[in-house]
Amino acid sequence: MVVRGMARITRGEEVFELKANESTYKTLHRFENCTELPLEIIEVQSGDYLGEDDIVRIDDIYGRYL
């Protein structure tokens, strides 16, 4: 969920923008700050098990993990 700022979201082949109080979920996605202002987001994990080892991070084009 975007708390402050505006994010460009890549979800599969779809690219769109989210503003404060908007969110995306369940599908592989990437958040990118698309303005000069700071971007604040809240990441929420749900399910029966909430361990850090249950998160799958995907390499991006910069060699970082998402």
PDB file of N, CA and C in Angstrom:
ATOM      1  N   MET A   1       0.838  -1.181   0.000  1.00  0.00           N
ATOM      2  CA  MET A   1       0.000   0.000   0.000  1.00  0.00           C
ATOM      3  C   MET A   1       0.880   1.240   0.000  1.00  0.00           C
ATOM      4  N   VAL A   2       0.521   2.194  -0.822  1.00  0.00           N
ATOM      5  CA  VAL A   2       1.233   3.464  -0.851  1.00  0.00           C
ATOM      6  C   VAL A   2       0.694   4.339   0.276  1.00  0.00           C
ATOM      7  N   VAL A   3       1.585   4.816   1.119  1.00  0.00           N
ATOM      8  CA  VAL A   3       1.216   5.709   2.218  1.00  0.00           C
ATOM      9  C   VAL A   3       1.387   7.163   1.781  1.00  0.00           C
ATOM     10  N   ARG A   4       2.502   7.444   1.115  1.00  0.00           N
ATOM     11  CA  ARG A   4       2.796   8.808   0.668  1.00  0.00           C
ATOM     12  C   ARG A   4       3.580   8.743  -0.633  1.00  0.00           C
ATOM     13  N   GLY A   5       3.278   9.645  -1.539  1.00  0.00           N
ATOM     14  CA  GLY A   5       3.974   9.687  -2.820  1.00  0.00           C
ATOM     15  C   GLY A   5       3.183   8.993  -3.906  1.00  0.00           C
ATOM     16  N   MET A   6       3.884   8.668  -4.988  1.00  0.00           N
ATOM     17  CA  MET A   6       3.254   7.979  -6.115  1.00  0.00           C
ATOM     18  C   MET A   6       4.219   6.901  -6.592  1.00  0.00           C
ATOM     19  N   ALA A   7       3.696   5.700  -6.800  1.00  0.00           N
ATOM     20  CA  ALA A   7       4.520   4.574  -7.224  1.00  0.00           C
ATOM     21  C   ALA A   7       4.119   4.115  -8.611  1.00  0.00           C
ATOM     22  N   ARG A   8       5.125   3.779  -9.413  1.00  0.00           N
ATOM     23  CA  ARG A   8       4.862   3.112 -10.688  1.00  0.00           C
ATOM     24  C   ARG A   8       4.954   1.614 -10.389  1.00  0.00           C
ATOM     25  N   ILE A   9       3.928   0.889 -10.753  1.00  0.00           N
ATOM     26  CA  ILE A   9       3.841  -0.537 -10.463  1.00  0.00           C
ATOM     27  C   ILE A   9       4.000  -1.310 -11.765  1.00  0.00           C
ATOM     28  N   THR A  10       4.861  -2.304 -11.739  1.00  0.00           N
ATOM     29  CA  THR A  10       4.953  -3.249 -12.843  1.00  0.00           C
ATOM     30  C   THR A  10       4.413  -4.563 -12.319  1.00  0.00           C
ATOM     31  N   ARG A  11       3.357  -5.041 -12.939  1.00  0.00           N
ATOM     32  CA  ARG A  11       2.704  -6.283 -12.536  1.00  0.00           C
ATOM     33  C   ARG A  11       2.529  -7.105 -13.803  1.00  0.00           C
ATOM     34  N   GLY A  12       3.471  -8.037 -14.010  1.00  0.00           N
ATOM     35  CA  GLY A  12       3.493  -8.768 -15.278  1.00  0.00           C
ATOM     36  C   GLY A  12       3.842  -7.801 -16.396  1.00  0.00           C
ATOM     37  N   GLU A  13       3.022  -7.751 -17.432  1.00  0.00           N
ATOM     38  CA  GLU A  13       3.226  -6.828 -18.546  1.00  0.00           C
ATOM     39  C   GLU A  13       2.522  -5.493 -18.315  1.00  0.00           C
ATOM     40  N   GLU A  14       1.731  -5.400 -17.266  1.00  0.00           N
ATOM     41  CA  GLU A  14       0.936  -4.203 -16.962  1.00  0.00           C
ATOM     42  C   GLU A  14       1.769  -3.205 -16.153  1.00  0.00           C
ATOM     43  N   VAL A  15       1.740  -1.938 -16.530  1.00  0.00           N
ATOM     44  CA  VAL A  15       2.419  -0.865 -15.792  1.00  0.00           C
ATOM     45  C   VAL A  15       1.379   0.213 -15.499  1.00  0.00           C
ATOM     46  N   PHE A  16       1.305   0.621 -14.224  1.00  0.00           N
ATOM     47  CA  PHE A  16       0.328   1.636 -13.832  1.00  0.00           C
ATOM     48  C   PHE A  16       0.846   2.363 -12.595  1.00  0.00           C
ATOM     49  N   GLU A  17       0.179   3.422 -12.191  1.00  0.00           N
ATOM     50  CA  GLU A  17       0.607   4.212 -11.036  1.00  0.00           C
ATOM     51  C   GLU A  17      -0.396   4.084  -9.901  1.00  0.00           C
ATOM     52  N   LEU A  18       0.144   4.110  -8.677  1.00  0.00           N
ATOM     53  CA  LEU A  18      -0.677   4.109  -7.471  1.00  0.00           C
ATOM     54  C   LEU A  18      -0.362   5.350  -6.662  1.00  0.00           C
ATOM     55  N   LYS A  19      -1.407   5.957  -6.079  1.00  0.00           N
ATOM     56  CA  LYS A  19      -1.264   7.110  -5.193  1.00  0.00           C
ATOM     57  C   LYS A  19      -1.518   6.655  -3.763  1.00  0.00           C
ATOM     58  N   ALA A  20      -1.429   7.595  -2.828  1.00  0.00           N
ATOM     59  CA  ALA A  20      -1.676   7.301  -1.411  1.00  0.00           C
ATOM     60  C   ALA A  20      -3.015   6.595  -1.246  1.00  0.00           C
ATOM     61  N   ASN A  21      -3.038   5.603  -0.372  1.00  0.00           N
ATOM     62  CA  ASN A  21      -4.215   4.791  -0.045  1.00  0.00           C
ATOM     63  C   ASN A  21      -4.627   3.822  -1.143  1.00  0.00           C
ATOM     64  N   GLU A  22      -3.763   3.577  -2.120  1.00  0.00           N
ATOM     65  CA  GLU A  22      -4.022   2.574  -3.153  1.00  0.00           C
ATOM     66  C   GLU A  22      -3.004   1.452  -3.008  1.00  0.00           C
ATOM     67  N   SER A  23      -3.366   0.243  -3.467  1.00  0.00           N
ATOM     68  CA  SER A  23      -2.469  -0.898  -3.276  1.00  0.00           C
ATOM     69  C   SER A  23      -2.628  -1.934  -4.375  1.00  0.00           C
ATOM     70  N   THR A  24      -1.706  -2.890  -4.382  1.00  0.00           N
ATOM     71  CA  THR A  24      -1.770  -4.057  -5.252  1.00  0.00           C
ATOM     72  C   THR A  24      -1.357  -5.252  -4.419  1.00  0.00           C
ATOM     73  N   TYR A  25      -1.712  -6.456  -4.851  1.00  0.00           N
ATOM     74  CA  TYR A  25      -1.401  -7.631  -4.041  1.00  0.00           C
ATOM     75  C   TYR A  25      -1.461  -8.919  -4.857  1.00  0.00           C
ATOM     76  N   LYS A  26      -0.978  -9.975  -4.242  1.00  0.00           N
ATOM     77  CA  LYS A  26      -1.050 -11.377  -4.686  1.00  0.00           C
ATOM     78  C   LYS A  26      -0.254 -11.731  -5.917  1.00  0.00           C
ATOM     79  N   THR A  27      -0.018 -10.849  -6.820  1.00  0.00           N
ATOM     80  CA  THR A  27       0.694 -11.165  -8.047  1.00  0.00           C
ATOM     81  C   THR A  27       2.097 -10.574  -7.965  1.00  0.00           C
ATOM     82  N   LEU A  28       3.066 -11.230  -8.574  1.00  0.00           N
ATOM     83  CA  LEU A  28       4.424 -10.709  -8.632  1.00  0.00           C
ATOM     84  C   LEU A  28       4.380  -9.269  -9.138  1.00  0.00           C
ATOM     85  N   HIS A  29       4.991  -8.351  -8.396  1.00  0.00           N
ATOM     86  CA  HIS A  29       4.933  -6.937  -8.757  1.00  0.00           C
ATOM     87  C   HIS A  29       6.193  -6.219  -8.288  1.00  0.00           C
ATOM     88  N   ARG A  30       6.399  -5.025  -8.833  1.00  0.00           N
ATOM     89  CA  ARG A  30       7.546  -4.181  -8.487  1.00  0.00           C
ATOM     90  C   ARG A  30       7.045  -2.761  -8.260  1.00  0.00           C
ATOM     91  N   PHE A  31       7.494  -2.143  -7.158  1.00  0.00           N
ATOM     92  CA  PHE A  31       7.206  -0.737  -6.877  1.00  0.00           C
ATOM     93  C   PHE A  31       8.398   0.096  -7.305  1.00  0.00           C
ATOM     94  N   GLU A  32       8.142   1.250  -7.914  1.00  0.00           N
ATOM     95  CA  GLU A  32       9.202   2.181  -8.305  1.00  0.00           C
ATOM     96  C   GLU A  32       8.726   3.590  -7.992  1.00  0.00           C
ATOM     97  N   ASN A  33       9.580   4.382  -7.349  1.00  0.00           N
ATOM     98  CA  ASN A  33       9.230   5.774  -7.082  1.00  0.00           C
ATOM     99  C   ASN A  33       9.267   6.525  -8.403  1.00  0.00           C
ATOM    100  N   CYS A  34       8.158   7.125  -8.804  1.00  0.00           N
ATOM    101  CA  CYS A  34       8.112   7.797 -10.104  1.00  0.00           C
ATOM    102  C   CYS A  34       8.081   9.318  -9.978  1.00  0.00           C
ATOM    103  N   THR A  35       8.422   9.850  -8.798  1.00  0.00           N
ATOM    104  CA  THR A  35       8.513  11.302  -8.620  1.00  0.00           C
ATOM    105  C   THR A  35       9.798  11.635  -7.863  1.00  0.00           C
ATOM    106  N   GLU A  36      10.058  12.916  -7.698  1.00  0.00           N
ATOM    107  CA  GLU A  36      11.215  13.376  -6.928  1.00  0.00           C
ATOM    108  C   GLU A  36      10.948  13.316  -5.422  1.00  0.00           C
ATOM    109  N   LEU A  37       9.682  13.200  -5.037  1.00  0.00           N
ATOM    110  CA  LEU A  37       9.305  13.163  -3.621  1.00  0.00           C
ATOM    111  C   LEU A  37       9.514  11.765  -3.046  1.00  0.00           C
ATOM    112  N   PRO A  38       9.720  11.654  -1.729  1.00  0.00           N
ATOM    113  CA  PRO A  38       9.878  10.333  -1.118  1.00  0.00           C
ATOM    114  C   PRO A  38       8.631   9.466  -1.314  1.00  0.00           C
ATOM    115  N   LEU A  39       8.861   8.174  -1.453  1.00  0.00           N
ATOM    116  CA  LEU A  39       7.779   7.197  -1.568  1.00  0.00           C
ATOM    117  C   LEU A  39       7.764   6.371  -0.290  1.00  0.00           C
ATOM    118  N   GLU A  40       6.620   6.330   0.372  1.00  0.00           N
ATOM    119  CA  GLU A  40       6.452   5.498   1.570  1.00  0.00           C
ATOM    120  C   GLU A  40       5.415   4.440   1.267  1.00  0.00           C
ATOM    121  N   ILE A  41       5.784   3.175   1.546  1.00  0.00           N
ATOM    122  CA  ILE A  41       4.849   2.075   1.332  1.00  0.00           C
ATOM    123  C   ILE A  41       4.779   1.213   2.584  1.00  0.00           C
ATOM    124  N   ILE A  42       3.718   0.448   2.700  1.00  0.00           N
ATOM    125  CA  ILE A  42       3.577  -0.561   3.739  1.00  0.00           C
ATOM    126  C   ILE A  42       3.455  -1.900   3.036  1.00  0.00           C
ATOM    127  N   GLU A  43       4.337  -2.826   3.401  1.00  0.00           N
ATOM    128  CA  GLU A  43       4.272  -4.172   2.860  1.00  0.00           C
ATOM    129  C   GLU A  43       3.609  -5.062   3.907  1.00  0.00           C
ATOM    130  N   VAL A  44       2.580  -5.780   3.503  1.00  0.00           N
ATOM    131  CA  VAL A  44       1.835  -6.633   4.424  1.00  0.00           C
ATOM    132  C   VAL A  44       1.967  -8.082   3.978  1.00  0.00           C
ATOM    133  N   GLN A  45       2.325  -8.937   4.913  1.00  0.00           N
ATOM    134  CA  GLN A  45       2.399 -10.367   4.651  1.00  0.00           C
ATOM    135  C   GLN A  45       1.248 -11.032   5.388  1.00  0.00           C
ATOM    136  N   SER A  46       0.544 -11.938   4.730  1.00  0.00           N
ATOM    137  CA  SER A  46      -0.576 -12.615   5.381  1.00  0.00           C
ATOM    138  C   SER A  46      -0.488 -14.115   5.131  1.00  0.00           C
ATOM    139  N   GLY A  47      -1.181 -14.875   5.954  1.00  0.00           N
ATOM    140  CA  GLY A  47      -1.196 -16.319   5.809  1.00  0.00           C
ATOM    141  C   GLY A  47      -0.980 -17.002   7.147  1.00  0.00           C
ATOM    142  N   ASP A  48      -0.922 -18.320   7.119  1.00  0.00           N
ATOM    143  CA  ASP A  48      -0.746 -19.094   8.345  1.00  0.00           C
ATOM    144  C   ASP A  48       0.663 -18.976   8.918  1.00  0.00           C
ATOM    145  N   TYR A  49       1.657 -18.814   8.050  1.00  0.00           N
ATOM    146  CA  TYR A  49       3.051 -18.700   8.484  1.00  0.00           C
ATOM    147  C   TYR A  49       3.594 -17.367   8.006  1.00  0.00           C
ATOM    148  N   LEU A  50       4.173 -16.566   8.911  1.00  0.00           N
ATOM    149  CA  LEU A  50       4.636 -15.223   8.574  1.00  0.00           C
ATOM    150  C   LEU A  50       6.138 -15.053   8.763  1.00  0.00           C
ATOM    151  N   GLY A  51       6.904 -16.117   8.567  1.00  0.00           N
ATOM    152  CA  GLY A  51       8.351 -16.050   8.731  1.00  0.00           C
ATOM    153  C   GLY A  51       9.035 -15.362   7.565  1.00  0.00           C
ATOM    154  N   GLU A  52      10.155 -14.740   7.845  1.00  0.00           N
ATOM    155  CA  GLU A  52      10.937 -14.050   6.815  1.00  0.00           C
ATOM    156  C   GLU A  52      11.404 -15.037   5.741  1.00  0.00           C
ATOM    157  N   ASP A  53      11.606 -16.294   6.107  1.00  0.00           N
ATOM    158  CA  ASP A  53      12.065 -17.295   5.140  1.00  0.00           C
ATOM    159  C   ASP A  53      10.960 -17.765   4.198  1.00  0.00           C
ATOM    160  N   ASP A  54       9.763 -17.235   4.349  1.00  0.00           N
ATOM    161  CA  ASP A  54       8.638 -17.578   3.488  1.00  0.00           C
ATOM    162  C   ASP A  54       8.464 -16.578   2.339  1.00  0.00           C
ATOM    163  N   ILE A  55       9.295 -15.535   2.308  1.00  0.00           N
ATOM    164  CA  ILE A  55       9.211 -14.492   1.284  1.00  0.00           C
ATOM    165  C   ILE A  55      10.128 -14.857   0.120  1.00  0.00           C
ATOM    166  N   VAL A  56       9.621 -14.779  -1.094  1.00  0.00           N
ATOM    167  CA  VAL A  56      10.418 -15.051  -2.282  1.00  0.00           C
ATOM    168  C   VAL A  56      10.810 -13.713  -2.905  1.00  0.00           C
ATOM    169  N   ARG A  57      12.109 -13.455  -2.982  1.00  0.00           N
ATOM    170  CA  ARG A  57      12.613 -12.220  -3.595  1.00  0.00           C
ATOM    171  C   ARG A  57      13.136 -12.561  -4.982  1.00  0.00           C
ATOM    172  N   ILE A  58      12.843 -11.731  -5.951  1.00  0.00           N
ATOM    173  CA  ILE A  58      13.218 -11.950  -7.337  1.00  0.00           C
ATOM    174  C   ILE A  58      14.304 -10.949  -7.718  1.00  0.00           C
ATOM    175  N   ASP A  59      15.354 -11.394  -8.409  1.00  0.00           N
ATOM    176  CA  ASP A  59      16.379 -10.477  -8.896  1.00  0.00           C
ATOM    177  C   ASP A  59      15.771  -9.473  -9.859  1.00  0.00           C
ATOM    178  N   ASP A  60      16.238  -8.220  -9.779  1.00  0.00           N
ATOM    179  CA  ASP A  60      15.805  -7.240 -10.759  1.00  0.00           C
ATOM    180  C   ASP A  60      16.933  -6.979 -11.741  1.00  0.00           C
ATOM    181  N   ILE A  61      16.745  -6.062 -12.672  1.00  0.00           N
ATOM    182  CA  ILE A  61      17.749  -5.809 -13.706  1.00  0.00           C
ATOM    183  C   ILE A  61      19.011  -5.156 -13.157  1.00  0.00           C
ATOM    184  N   TYR A  62      18.983  -4.699 -11.894  1.00  0.00           N
ATOM    185  CA  TYR A  62      20.144  -4.073 -11.287  1.00  0.00           C
ATOM    186  C   TYR A  62      20.911  -5.025 -10.387  1.00  0.00           C
ATOM    187  N   GLY A  63      20.508  -6.299 -10.336  1.00  0.00           N
ATOM    188  CA  GLY A  63      21.205  -7.276  -9.514  1.00  0.00           C
ATOM    189  C   GLY A  63      20.798  -7.229  -8.046  1.00  0.00           C
ATOM    190  N   ARG A  64      19.760  -6.461  -7.723  1.00  0.00           N
ATOM    191  CA  ARG A  64      19.258  -6.410  -6.348  1.00  0.00           C
ATOM    192  C   ARG A  64      18.151  -7.429  -6.201  1.00  0.00           C
ATOM    193  N   TYR A  65      17.797  -7.699  -4.972  1.00  0.00           N
ATOM    194  CA  TYR A  65      16.637  -8.557  -4.729  1.00  0.00           C
ATOM    195  C   TYR A  65      15.448  -7.667  -4.437  1.00  0.00           C
ATOM    196  N   LEU A  66      14.297  -7.999  -4.993  1.00  0.00           N
ATOM    197  CA  LEU A  66      13.073  -7.234  -4.764  1.00  0.00           C
ATOM    198  C   LEU A  66      12.352  -7.777  -3.573  1.00  0.00           C
TER     199      LEU A  66
END
